[in-house]
Structures are given as structure tokens and as C-alpha cells.
Protein backbone atom coordinates (compact mmCIF):
# COMPACT_ATOMS: atom_id res chain seq x y z
CA MET A 1 13.54 4.61 52.13
CA PHE A 2 13.58 7.08 49.51
CA VAL A 3 13.86 10.82 50.80
CA TYR A 4 13.58 13.83 48.87
CA LYS A 5 16.40 15.86 47.81
CA THR A 6 16.95 19.76 48.18
CA GLU A 7 17.84 21.95 44.98
CA ALA A 8 20.78 22.67 46.48
CA GLN A 9 21.91 18.20 46.99
CA LEU A 10 20.91 18.25 43.47
CA GLU A 11 23.07 20.65 42.45
CA ALA A 12 25.94 19.07 44.23
CA MET A 13 25.00 15.71 42.72
CA SER A 14 26.93 14.50 39.61
CA ALA A 15 24.95 13.40 36.48
CA ALA A 16 25.20 9.79 37.13
CA GLU A 17 23.95 10.30 40.88
CA ARG A 18 21.17 12.78 39.44
CA ASP A 19 19.67 9.63 37.32
CA THR A 20 19.55 7.14 39.78
CA TYR A 21 17.57 9.71 42.18
CA ALA A 22 15.27 10.39 38.94
CA ALA A 23 14.49 6.97 38.56
CA GLU A 24 14.15 5.97 42.52
CA LYS A 25 11.75 9.08 43.04
CA ARG A 26 9.65 8.06 40.19
CA ALA A 27 9.50 4.50 41.30
CA TYR A 28 8.46 5.61 44.98
CA GLU A 29 5.67 8.08 43.33
CA ALA A 30 4.38 4.84 41.47
CA GLY A 31 4.09 3.09 44.36
CA LEU A 32 2.47 5.53 46.40
CA GLN A 33 -0.45 6.65 43.32
CA LYS A 34 -0.98 2.25 43.70
CA GLU A 35 -1.64 2.95 47.05
CA ALA A 36 -3.80 5.88 46.83
CA ILE A 37 -5.63 3.85 43.94
CA LYS A 38 -5.95 0.72 46.18
CA GLU A 39 -7.17 2.63 49.15
CA ALA A 40 -9.90 4.77 46.85
CA ASN A 41 -11.56 1.83 45.94
CA LYS A 42 -11.48 -0.20 48.97
CA VAL A 43 -13.43 3.16 49.89
CA LEU A 44 -15.46 3.27 47.33
CA LYS A 45 -16.57 -0.69 47.22
CA ALA A 46 -17.66 -0.01 50.96
CA GLU A 47 -19.88 2.65 50.44
CA LEU A 48 -21.72 1.50 47.22
CA THR A 49 -25.09 -0.28 48.13
CA GLU A 50 -25.97 -3.12 46.17
CA ALA A 51 -28.31 -1.03 44.02
CA GLN A 52 -25.52 1.42 43.22
CA LYS A 53 -23.20 -1.32 42.28
CA ALA A 54 -26.23 -3.43 39.65
CA GLU A 55 -26.90 0.07 38.43
CA ILE A 56 -22.99 0.93 37.65
CA SER A 57 -23.12 -3.12 35.70
CA THR A 58 -26.02 -1.81 33.88
CA GLN A 59 -24.77 1.35 32.57
CA VAL A 60 -21.37 -0.59 31.47
CA GLU A 61 -23.52 -3.67 29.81
CA ALA A 62 -25.69 -0.18 28.40
CA LEU A 63 -22.37 1.00 27.12
CA LYS A 64 -20.87 -2.27 25.52
CA LEU A 65 -24.20 -2.26 23.78
CA SER A 66 -24.51 1.44 22.57
CA LEU A 67 -20.93 0.42 20.78
CA GLY A 68 -22.02 -2.90 18.88
CA ILE A 69 -20.14 -5.01 21.31
CA THR A 70 -21.33 -8.40 22.67
CA LYS A 71 -19.78 -10.24 25.79
CA GLU A 72 -18.74 -13.19 23.02
CA GLN A 73 -17.23 -9.88 20.78
CA LEU A 74 -15.79 -8.64 23.71
CA ASP A 75 -14.57 -12.24 25.36
CA GLU A 76 -12.75 -12.72 22.02
CA PHE A 77 -11.56 -9.91 21.88
CA LYS A 78 -9.38 -10.64 25.14
CA GLU A 79 -8.51 -13.60 23.86
CA ASP A 80 -7.07 -11.88 20.50
CA LEU A 81 -5.32 -9.42 22.62
CA ARG A 82 -3.48 -12.15 24.77
CA THR A 83 -2.71 -14.13 21.77
CA ILE A 84 -0.54 -10.89 20.27
CA LYS A 85 1.09 -10.48 23.25
CA GLU A 86 2.04 -14.09 23.53
CA ASN A 87 3.51 -14.48 19.94
CA PRO A 88 4.32 -11.03 18.63
CA THR A 89 6.25 -12.37 16.07
CA ALA A 90 3.05 -13.44 14.44
CA VAL A 91 2.87 -9.64 13.60
CA ASN A 92 4.94 -8.57 11.14
CA GLY A 93 6.91 -5.05 10.87
CA ARG A 94 4.42 -3.67 8.87
CA GLY A 95 1.90 -3.95 11.68
CA GLN A 96 0.11 -7.14 9.54
CA PHE A 97 -1.01 -10.49 10.56
CA ASP A 98 1.80 -13.08 8.66
CA LEU A 99 -0.20 -15.66 7.78
CA MET A 100 1.96 -18.22 6.46
CA GLY A 101 4.39 -17.83 9.74
CA ALA A 102 1.21 -18.73 11.99
CA ILE A 103 0.54 -21.86 10.04
CA GLU A 104 4.18 -23.08 9.93
CA GLU A 105 4.47 -22.85 13.48
CA GLY A 106 0.80 -24.57 14.17
CA LEU A 107 1.92 -27.28 12.18
CA LYS A 108 4.68 -28.34 14.29
CA THR A 109 1.75 -29.35 16.87
CA PHE A 110 -0.77 -30.07 14.21
CA LEU A 111 1.22 -33.21 12.22
CA PRO A 112 1.92 -35.56 14.55
CA LYS A 113 -1.86 -35.46 15.72
CA VAL A 114 -2.70 -35.71 11.86
CA LYS A 115 -0.54 -39.23 12.20
CA GLU A 116 -2.00 -40.24 15.53
CA THR A 117 -5.56 -39.85 14.35
CA ALA A 118 -4.55 -42.13 10.64
CA LYS A 119 -3.19 -44.90 12.79
CA ALA A 120 -5.78 -45.14 15.19
CA SER A 121 -9.01 -44.77 12.22
CA GLY A 122 -7.79 -47.33 10.10
CA ARG A 123 -9.35 -47.47 6.49
CA SER A 124 -12.63 -45.41 8.07
CA GLY A 125 -10.99 -42.23 6.70
CA PHE A 126 -10.68 -39.24 9.14
CA GLU A 127 -10.46 -35.51 9.11
CA ILE A 128 -9.03 -32.95 11.48
CA GLU A 129 -9.02 -29.52 11.30
CA MET A 130 -6.33 -26.37 12.22
CA THR A 131 -7.56 -23.12 11.76
CA VAL A 132 -5.24 -20.12 11.90
CA LYS A 133 -6.68 -17.22 14.09
CA VAL A 134 -6.09 -13.37 12.75
CA PRO A 135 -5.90 -11.66 15.47
CA VAL A 136 -7.96 -8.46 15.53
CA ASN A 137 -7.99 -5.38 13.09
CA MET A 138 -4.76 -7.10 11.90
CA ASN A 139 -6.59 -8.65 8.74
CA THR A 140 -5.92 -6.25 5.68
CA GLY A 141 -6.98 -8.35 3.12
CA SER A 142 -4.53 -11.01 2.74
CA VAL A 143 -6.59 -13.77 4.37
CA THR A 144 -9.39 -14.44 2.05
CA THR A 145 -10.59 -17.15 1.00
CA GLY A 146 -10.14 -20.18 -1.52
CA TYR A 147 -10.69 -22.00 -4.84
CA SER A 148 -13.59 -23.79 -6.20
CA VAL A 149 -12.22 -26.52 -8.77
CA PRO A 150 -9.25 -29.32 -7.12
CA VAL A 151 -6.00 -28.63 -7.72
CA ALA A 152 -3.68 -30.39 -9.37
CA TYR A 153 -1.37 -33.20 -6.91
CA VAL A 154 1.95 -31.87 -6.68
CA SER A 155 4.84 -34.01 -5.93
CA GLN A 156 6.83 -34.45 -2.54
CA ASP A 157 10.20 -34.94 -4.17
CA GLN A 158 10.97 -31.75 -3.39
CA THR A 159 10.12 -28.69 -1.47
CA THR A 160 10.20 -26.19 -4.73
CA TYR A 161 8.59 -26.25 -8.27
CA ALA A 162 7.99 -24.85 -11.46
CA GLU A 163 4.75 -22.85 -10.99
CA ASP A 164 2.56 -22.13 -13.74
CA VAL A 165 1.32 -19.43 -14.88
CA ARG A 166 -0.99 -17.04 -13.19
CA GLN A 167 -2.74 -13.85 -12.38
CA GLN A 168 -2.32 -11.95 -9.10
CA GLU A 169 -4.72 -11.48 -6.47
CA TYR A 170 -5.50 -6.93 -6.17
CA ILE A 171 -8.82 -5.79 -6.24
CA LEU A 172 -9.50 -6.51 -2.38
CA ASN A 173 -6.96 -3.90 -1.69
CA TYR A 174 -9.89 -1.21 -2.94
CA LEU A 175 -12.90 -2.49 -1.42
CA SER A 176 -14.69 -1.26 2.16
CA LYS A 177 -13.16 -3.95 4.01
CA GLY A 178 -14.18 -5.79 7.34
CA SER A 179 -15.15 -8.79 9.61
CA THR A 180 -17.99 -10.13 11.29
CA SER A 181 -19.16 -13.01 13.85
CA LYS A 182 -22.28 -13.32 11.85
CA ALA A 183 -23.13 -16.07 8.80
CA THR A 184 -26.09 -13.62 8.13
CA ILE A 185 -25.38 -9.75 7.75
CA ALA A 186 -29.22 -7.74 7.71
CA TYR A 187 -28.90 -4.34 6.07
CA VAL A 188 -31.33 -1.93 5.46
CA ASP A 189 -32.07 -0.78 1.80
CA LYS A 190 -33.98 2.38 0.88
CA SER A 191 -35.57 2.38 -2.28
CA PRO A 192 -35.52 4.95 -5.49
CA THR A 193 -38.25 7.89 -3.99
CA GLU A 194 -40.97 8.45 -6.69
CA GLY A 195 -41.24 12.21 -7.88
CA THR A 196 -39.89 15.03 -5.96
CA MET A 197 -42.20 17.97 -4.47
CA THR A 198 -43.21 20.85 -5.83
CA ILE A 199 -44.85 23.94 -5.96
CA THR A 200 -48.51 22.99 -6.71
CA ALA A 201 -51.98 24.67 -6.81
CA GLU A 202 -54.53 25.50 -4.58
CA GLY A 203 -57.23 21.84 -4.26
CA ALA A 204 -54.61 20.78 -7.32
CA LEU A 205 -53.66 16.80 -6.73
CA LYS A 206 -50.17 16.45 -4.39
CA PRO A 207 -47.06 14.66 -6.45
CA LEU A 208 -46.52 11.61 -4.87
CA ILE A 209 -43.27 11.05 -2.80
CA SER A 210 -42.66 7.53 -2.04
CA ILE A 211 -39.73 6.23 0.55
CA ALA A 212 -39.72 2.52 1.21
CA PHE A 213 -36.94 1.01 3.70
CA VAL A 214 -36.04 -3.23 2.75
CA ILE A 215 -34.17 -4.75 5.23
CA ARG A 216 -32.22 -7.11 2.62
CA TYR A 217 -29.94 -10.34 4.05
CA SER A 218 -26.36 -11.03 3.09
CA GLN A 219 -25.25 -14.73 3.26
CA ALA A 220 -21.68 -15.75 4.00
CA ARG A 221 -20.12 -17.37 0.93
CA LYS A 222 -18.04 -20.34 1.05
CA MET A 223 -14.22 -20.42 -1.11
CA ALA A 224 -12.61 -23.83 -0.57
CA GLY A 225 -10.34 -25.95 -2.66
CA ARG A 226 -8.00 -29.33 -2.13
CA THR A 227 -4.93 -30.76 -3.18
CA LYS A 228 -2.97 -34.02 -2.27
CA ILE A 229 0.05 -34.78 -0.51
CA SER A 230 1.63 -37.66 0.45
CA GLU A 231 2.78 -39.54 3.47
CA GLU A 232 6.52 -38.65 3.40
CA ALA A 233 5.10 -35.26 2.48
CA LEU A 234 4.05 -35.33 6.91
CA ASP A 235 7.43 -35.55 7.81
CA ASP A 236 8.44 -32.38 5.46
CA ILE A 237 6.73 -28.77 7.29
CA PRO A 238 8.46 -26.83 4.23
CA PHE A 239 6.89 -28.71 1.63
CA ILE A 240 3.87 -28.82 3.18
CA MET A 241 4.41 -25.08 3.31
CA SER A 242 4.94 -24.20 -0.17
CA ALA A 243 1.79 -26.66 -1.02
CA ILE A 244 -0.11 -24.04 1.18
CA ARG A 245 1.74 -20.82 0.02
CA ASN A 246 1.36 -21.59 -3.32
CA GLU A 247 -1.59 -23.46 -4.01
CA LEU A 248 -4.21 -23.21 -1.55
CA ALA A 249 -3.47 -19.78 -0.08
CA TYR A 250 -2.84 -18.18 -3.95
CA ALA A 251 -5.67 -19.88 -5.75
CA HIS A 252 -8.26 -19.04 -2.43
CA SER A 253 -7.30 -15.67 -3.20
CA ILE A 254 -7.79 -15.72 -6.96
CA GLY A 255 -11.23 -17.26 -6.22
CA VAL A 256 -12.07 -14.05 -4.54
CA GLN A 257 -11.08 -11.31 -6.51
CA THR A 258 -12.72 -13.59 -9.66
CA ASP A 259 -16.29 -13.90 -7.35
CA VAL A 260 -15.49 -9.78 -7.04
CA PHE A 261 -15.02 -9.34 -11.01
CA THR A 262 -18.45 -11.45 -11.43
CA THR A 263 -20.38 -9.86 -9.11
CA VAL A 264 -19.89 -6.67 -10.57
CA SER A 265 -20.33 -7.69 -13.65
CA ALA A 266 -23.35 -9.24 -13.37
CA PHE A 267 -25.28 -5.39 -11.49
CA ALA A 268 -22.70 -2.45 -12.58
CA PRO A 269 -25.23 -0.17 -15.01
CA ALA A 270 -24.83 0.17 -18.65
CA PHE A 271 -23.26 3.42 -19.57
CA VAL A 272 -25.51 6.08 -20.43
CA ALA A 273 -23.88 9.09 -22.05
CA GLY A 274 -26.83 12.22 -20.77
CA ASP A 275 -25.14 15.93 -21.02
CA LEU A 276 -22.01 13.58 -22.36
CA ALA A 277 -23.70 12.54 -25.79
CA ALA A 278 -22.08 13.59 -28.87
CA SER A 279 -19.75 15.97 -26.97
CA THR A 280 -15.48 14.63 -28.08
CA THR A 281 -14.57 14.63 -31.03
CA LEU A 282 -12.89 11.28 -32.42
CA PRO A 283 -12.94 9.75 -29.17
CA SER A 284 -10.41 6.91 -27.74
CA ASN A 285 -10.52 4.17 -25.83
CA TYR A 286 -9.04 6.90 -22.69
CA ASP A 287 -11.63 9.16 -23.25
CA ALA A 288 -14.38 6.04 -23.17
CA ILE A 289 -12.88 5.70 -19.75
CA ARG A 290 -12.92 9.03 -18.45
CA ALA A 291 -16.56 9.34 -19.98
CA ALA A 292 -17.67 6.18 -17.73
CA ILE A 293 -15.84 8.44 -14.67
CA TYR A 294 -17.88 11.39 -15.52
CA ALA A 295 -20.86 9.77 -15.64
CA VAL A 296 -21.07 8.06 -12.28
CA LYS A 297 -20.17 11.38 -11.26
CA ILE A 298 -22.99 13.10 -12.66
CA ALA A 299 -25.17 10.20 -11.99
CA SER A 300 -24.52 10.11 -8.47
CA LYS A 301 -24.60 14.15 -8.01
CA GLY A 302 -20.68 13.82 -7.09
CA LYS A 303 -21.43 11.52 -4.49
CA TYR A 304 -19.64 8.68 -5.26
CA ILE A 305 -16.25 8.71 -7.32
CA PRO A 306 -14.28 5.79 -9.03
CA ASN A 307 -11.71 4.51 -7.58
CA VAL A 308 -10.78 1.91 -10.11
CA ALA A 309 -11.29 0.89 -14.07
CA LEU A 310 -11.18 -2.84 -14.96
CA VAL A 311 -8.77 -2.89 -18.11
CA PRO A 312 -8.75 -6.35 -19.94
CA SER A 313 -4.54 -6.83 -21.05
CA SER A 314 -5.31 -6.83 -24.68
CA ASP A 315 -7.19 -3.49 -24.44
CA LEU A 316 -4.67 -1.96 -22.20
CA TYR A 317 -1.71 -2.99 -24.33
CA ALA A 318 -3.66 -1.60 -27.54
CA MET A 319 -4.13 2.45 -25.50
CA GLY A 320 -0.76 2.16 -24.29
CA ALA A 321 0.48 1.71 -27.72
CA THR A 322 -1.46 4.52 -29.32
CA LYS A 323 0.87 6.46 -32.05
CA GLU A 324 0.08 9.62 -34.26
CA THR A 325 1.32 9.70 -37.85
CA THR A 326 5.07 10.38 -37.38
CA GLY A 327 5.65 7.82 -34.75
CA GLN A 328 5.38 9.21 -31.31
CA TYR A 329 3.63 7.72 -28.46
CA VAL A 330 0.29 9.64 -27.96
CA PHE A 331 -0.82 9.81 -23.71
CA PRO A 332 -3.59 11.80 -23.54
CA PRO A 333 -2.92 15.17 -21.07
CA PHE A 334 -5.38 13.43 -18.18
CA VAL A 335 -3.17 10.24 -18.48
CA LEU A 336 -0.31 9.59 -16.44
CA PRO A 337 2.95 8.84 -18.70
CA ASP A 338 2.89 4.54 -17.86
CA GLY A 339 -0.82 4.80 -18.26
CA THR A 340 -1.11 3.74 -14.87
CA LYS A 341 -4.34 6.24 -14.10
CA ILE A 342 -6.74 7.65 -15.99
CA SER A 343 -8.15 11.40 -14.47
CA GLY A 344 -7.06 10.17 -11.17
CA VAL A 345 -8.53 6.90 -11.04
CA GLN A 346 -6.46 3.54 -10.70
CA ILE A 347 -6.45 1.23 -14.40
CA VAL A 348 -6.07 -2.44 -13.24
CA GLU A 349 -5.56 -4.75 -15.93
CA VAL A 350 -7.76 -7.81 -15.81
CA PRO A 351 -6.79 -11.69 -17.68
CA ASP A 352 -8.77 -11.93 -21.09
CA GLY A 353 -11.66 -13.54 -20.31
CA VAL A 354 -11.78 -12.94 -16.71
CA SER A 355 -15.14 -11.78 -16.20
CA VAL A 356 -14.34 -8.90 -18.23
CA PRO A 357 -14.30 -9.72 -21.91
CA ALA A 358 -11.95 -7.95 -24.45
CA GLY A 359 -13.46 -5.29 -25.94
CA SER A 360 -15.06 -4.44 -22.27
CA PHE A 361 -14.31 -2.18 -19.18
CA ILE A 362 -15.71 -1.64 -15.96
CA VAL A 363 -14.92 1.96 -13.69
CA GLY A 364 -16.68 2.02 -10.47
CA ASP A 365 -16.25 3.35 -6.77
CA PHE A 366 -15.26 -0.03 -5.13
CA LYS A 367 -15.17 1.18 -1.85
CA LYS A 368 -19.13 0.60 -2.05
CA LEU A 369 -18.69 -2.84 -2.72
CA HIS A 370 -18.57 -4.36 0.95
CA TYR A 371 -16.61 -7.29 1.89
CA GLU A 372 -16.61 -8.77 5.15
CA SER A 373 -14.55 -12.12 6.29
CA TYR A 374 -17.01 -14.42 8.83
CA LYS A 375 -14.38 -17.41 8.87
CA SER A 376 -11.07 -17.29 8.96
CA PHE A 377 -8.23 -19.14 6.12
CA THR A 378 -8.74 -22.62 7.97
CA VAL A 379 -6.46 -25.56 6.58
CA ARG A 380 -7.54 -29.32 7.55
CA ILE A 381 -5.63 -32.62 6.50
CA GLY A 382 -7.26 -35.64 6.26
CA GLN A 383 -7.75 -39.20 4.71
CA GLY A 384 -10.58 -40.13 2.87
CA ILE A 385 -12.57 -42.13 0.14
CA GLN A 386 -12.78 -40.57 -3.86
CA GLY A 387 -13.59 -41.35 -7.03
CA SER A 388 -17.79 -42.70 -8.14
CA ALA A 389 -19.73 -45.32 -6.41
CA THR A 390 -18.18 -47.57 -8.27
CA ALA A 391 -15.58 -49.72 -7.00
CA ALA A 392 -13.46 -49.65 -9.94
CA ASN A 393 -13.00 -46.02 -9.46
CA ILE A 394 -13.36 -45.72 -5.83
CA ILE A 395 -9.66 -44.97 -4.52
CA SER A 396 -8.83 -45.21 -0.92
CA ASP A 397 -6.59 -42.37 0.34
CA PHE A 398 -5.41 -44.67 3.53
CA GLU A 399 -4.03 -47.25 0.87
CA SER A 400 -2.38 -45.32 -1.63
CA ASN A 401 -0.69 -43.41 1.67
CA MET A 402 -2.03 -39.46 0.49
CA TYR A 403 -3.22 -37.49 2.48
CA THR A 404 -6.15 -34.48 1.13
CA LEU A 405 -4.85 -31.01 2.46
CA ILE A 406 -8.19 -28.69 2.18
CA GLY A 407 -8.55 -24.98 2.79
CA GLU A 408 -11.34 -22.95 3.11
CA SER A 409 -12.74 -19.58 4.68
CA ARG A 410 -16.31 -17.74 4.33
CA TYR A 411 -17.07 -14.27 3.45
CA HIS A 412 -19.79 -11.81 2.73
CA LEU A 413 -20.04 -9.66 -0.28
CA TRP A 414 -22.63 -7.06 -1.03
CA ILE A 415 -23.91 -3.57 -2.01
CA TYR A 416 -26.85 -1.44 -1.19
CA GLU A 417 -29.11 -0.95 -3.93
CA ASN A 418 -28.85 2.62 -4.12
CA GLU A 419 -25.03 2.27 -4.53
CA LYS A 420 -25.24 0.59 -7.77
CA ILE A 421 -24.96 3.50 -9.89
CA ALA A 422 -21.26 3.74 -8.68
CA PHE A 423 -20.04 1.53 -11.22
CA ILE A 424 -20.94 1.20 -14.77
CA LYS A 425 -20.04 -1.49 -17.30
CA SER A 426 -19.53 -1.19 -20.97
CA THR A 427 -17.77 -1.71 -24.16
CA PHE A 428 -14.96 1.24 -25.76
CA ALA A 429 -16.83 0.59 -28.85
CA ALA A 430 -20.48 1.43 -27.25
CA VAL A 431 -19.54 4.82 -25.03
CA LYS A 432 -17.35 6.45 -28.18
CA THR A 433 -20.03 5.80 -29.98
CA ALA A 434 -22.63 7.89 -27.51
CA ILE A 435 -19.80 10.72 -26.98
CA THR A 436 -18.67 11.00 -30.72
CA LYS A 437 -19.13 14.71 -32.35
CA PRO A 438 -21.27 14.93 -35.47
């Protein structure tokens, strides 16, 4: 039984003995605390009436609703916590979910089921799904979506192969990101007002102030793609991982990025010079981007501050190659020496022909563009029939010892109507013409 020591007894003890005593003391007091809580709970349960218990339960449910948490979401959150506790290696050292690591672990138990299903199905075709569950609050944007056209067949003879020239995925890091359990998201838009209040004469017609709130809906988008592997590849997990990582996962990330570029390009307003008109002597492309940045700030009365400027590769090269008459490179004082930022706004290079044509650019506060993940990335493996309805063109996966890998996920991408002024799309020529001082 634990006995407390006096100050004199403690002074007479060695350092090791005091450490042992301190550990025993903490354990003893922790036990006392547990017993006290247990007894308090007994008393509380005994004294509460059924009506009081019901009221507490009602208050707890009201708290959940006020926080926007449904029972299903709460249960899912508990399951996510259990998953993280049971598989801490699924989270890397930076606290981000390791998607590829989770897929690789899942394939070890998933592929035997594929083989068994294939044997049982014969020529009829089949499809089974492996869903990668992303832990809550671990989605950093690396888990995105798929590709909309078939990816070329990759031979399984090697676990590595030469990749084609590709662009990189980067834009999602600049968006407002989150997750949702809804296939349809309702949000409220405020329509622009008509006129403003002003001083009026007695009996005069009062100016109209019109404010309307409109409910809009975002429908989840699906981005998906497929690639082929042979039956022998089912025994080669490293190869399948390379196909998933280098083809499906990569291609669906690029698919989302292209969707972002296309979406912004469709709604971004044109440049309006306003007070910036005829303000700049011999403007350059750097001045054009800077003018667009300030046009966003002016139009939004300082509410929106651009964080990204999308510039095609060829234009970005030309801007960096600018020299003065003696052959020295010229960078304006508001541009970093490597050209990566203009007036504090990140310059993002866009491959020519990808949503932003050469000679054009897009500037905007991309945090106003909302990306909500609805369904995490899934991998499906199956056999089926492809080709046209003509018998001569039908190819059976079963007869060819082939399997199809499908990768897909679903997400929302939307923006409030009033926040579209956070973006500007224009050409360098048009902006420079508008701001050129005569």
C-alpha cells in the first residue's frame, strides 16, 4: 500500500529512490481520481430523473446540430480515429495521409479476391472496388480526381518504365479546400444591389435598393479514367502500384487541375482599366499583370487580394528574357529576382495550350474558388468487354488475360457570384493598351 513520505524522509532518499517514489505517487493519485469519478457518476445517475436524462440528451443533440455534425458524420469521425490509431503508419511524418501506402497495403488482401472473382465469373465480366479511406482532416489536396480519357496500355514486363513528358499538379494548393458528405451542396448567393441610399428632398422619389438572396446548388463532378494490365501483373504489386501512382493518380490530379483552369477561364471577368487608364509609360507584361492585380483590389474595395497569376510558358520566358540596351537583364523593383512573384503574387507557369492561351493571363484570389472532396479516390479492378457492338471489334478481357484498372473520385468546384470579381482574365496586349500613357 502506498504511504506518503515526509520532507525529512524525502531528503534522506537518493535521487533514484525519489524518482521511484514520485512514479508510485502519481499512479496512486491517478487511481484515487478514477475512483472518485466513478463514485460521482454513480451518484449522478442515481439522482437524475428520466426527464433530466432526456433533457441532457436533447442538449447534446442540439450541440451536435449547432456544430453542423450529423450522427452519420460523428460515427464516421469515430471510425476515422479508430483507423488512424490502428494504422499510424498511414500518416507520414508531416501529418499527411499516405494515399499510395494505403493502396499498396490494401492490394495485398484485395488482389486475391480479384482472382477468386475472375474464376467464378467466367466470361460474364465483373468489377469489384477497393476504396481508400482518407482519415478526417488529413486530406491535404493530394487526393484528388481522375482522367477523362483512356490511358495507354503499359506492359507488365518491368516495374519501371519511361514516362512521357507531363505537366505537374500544383493549383489545388491555392484553393479553398474541404470535404463534404453531400452529392449536392446548397449555398446562398446575394445578388448585386441596385443603387444606394442618398439624401432626397421631401416628397421626392426614393432611390431603389434591391437586395435578393438566391439559393444555388453545386453538383458533385466525377473525374475518372482507366488503364490496362495483364493477368500476370496481379502477382506484381510493385508494378500495379507504379501503374496506379504514375497513371491513375497522376492523371486524375492533372484532370482536376485542368478543370480548375477551365472553370476559372469561363467566369473570370475581363480587365477594366478604370482609374488605371493611361497611367503607365511604356508598360511591359509585368506592368500588365500588376495592373490586373490592382484592378481586382480596386473593384473589390480591397476585399479580395490575388494570390496567383497564371501565365503561359512562352510568355513567362519572354518576360524573363527582357534586357536593356547594354544587354543586362531587367527586372522591375516589384518583381523577385527569379521572376516567381510580382507585387507579392505567385506566378504559376501554365503549359501553352492548357486553358490559358499564349498571350493571355489570369490573375485572381484563388481562395475564393471552393474545392470540396465528396468521394475519395477509389481503385476498381475488373474484367469486361470493350469495343463496338460489331462482333469483329469486340475484345474480351477474359479471353485476352487482361484486367482494367479504373481510378475515380468526386468533388465539388464552385464560387459565389459576387466573388467572381476576385479574378481577371485578359491578354497582355489589351491591358498594356488600356494603361499606356499617351
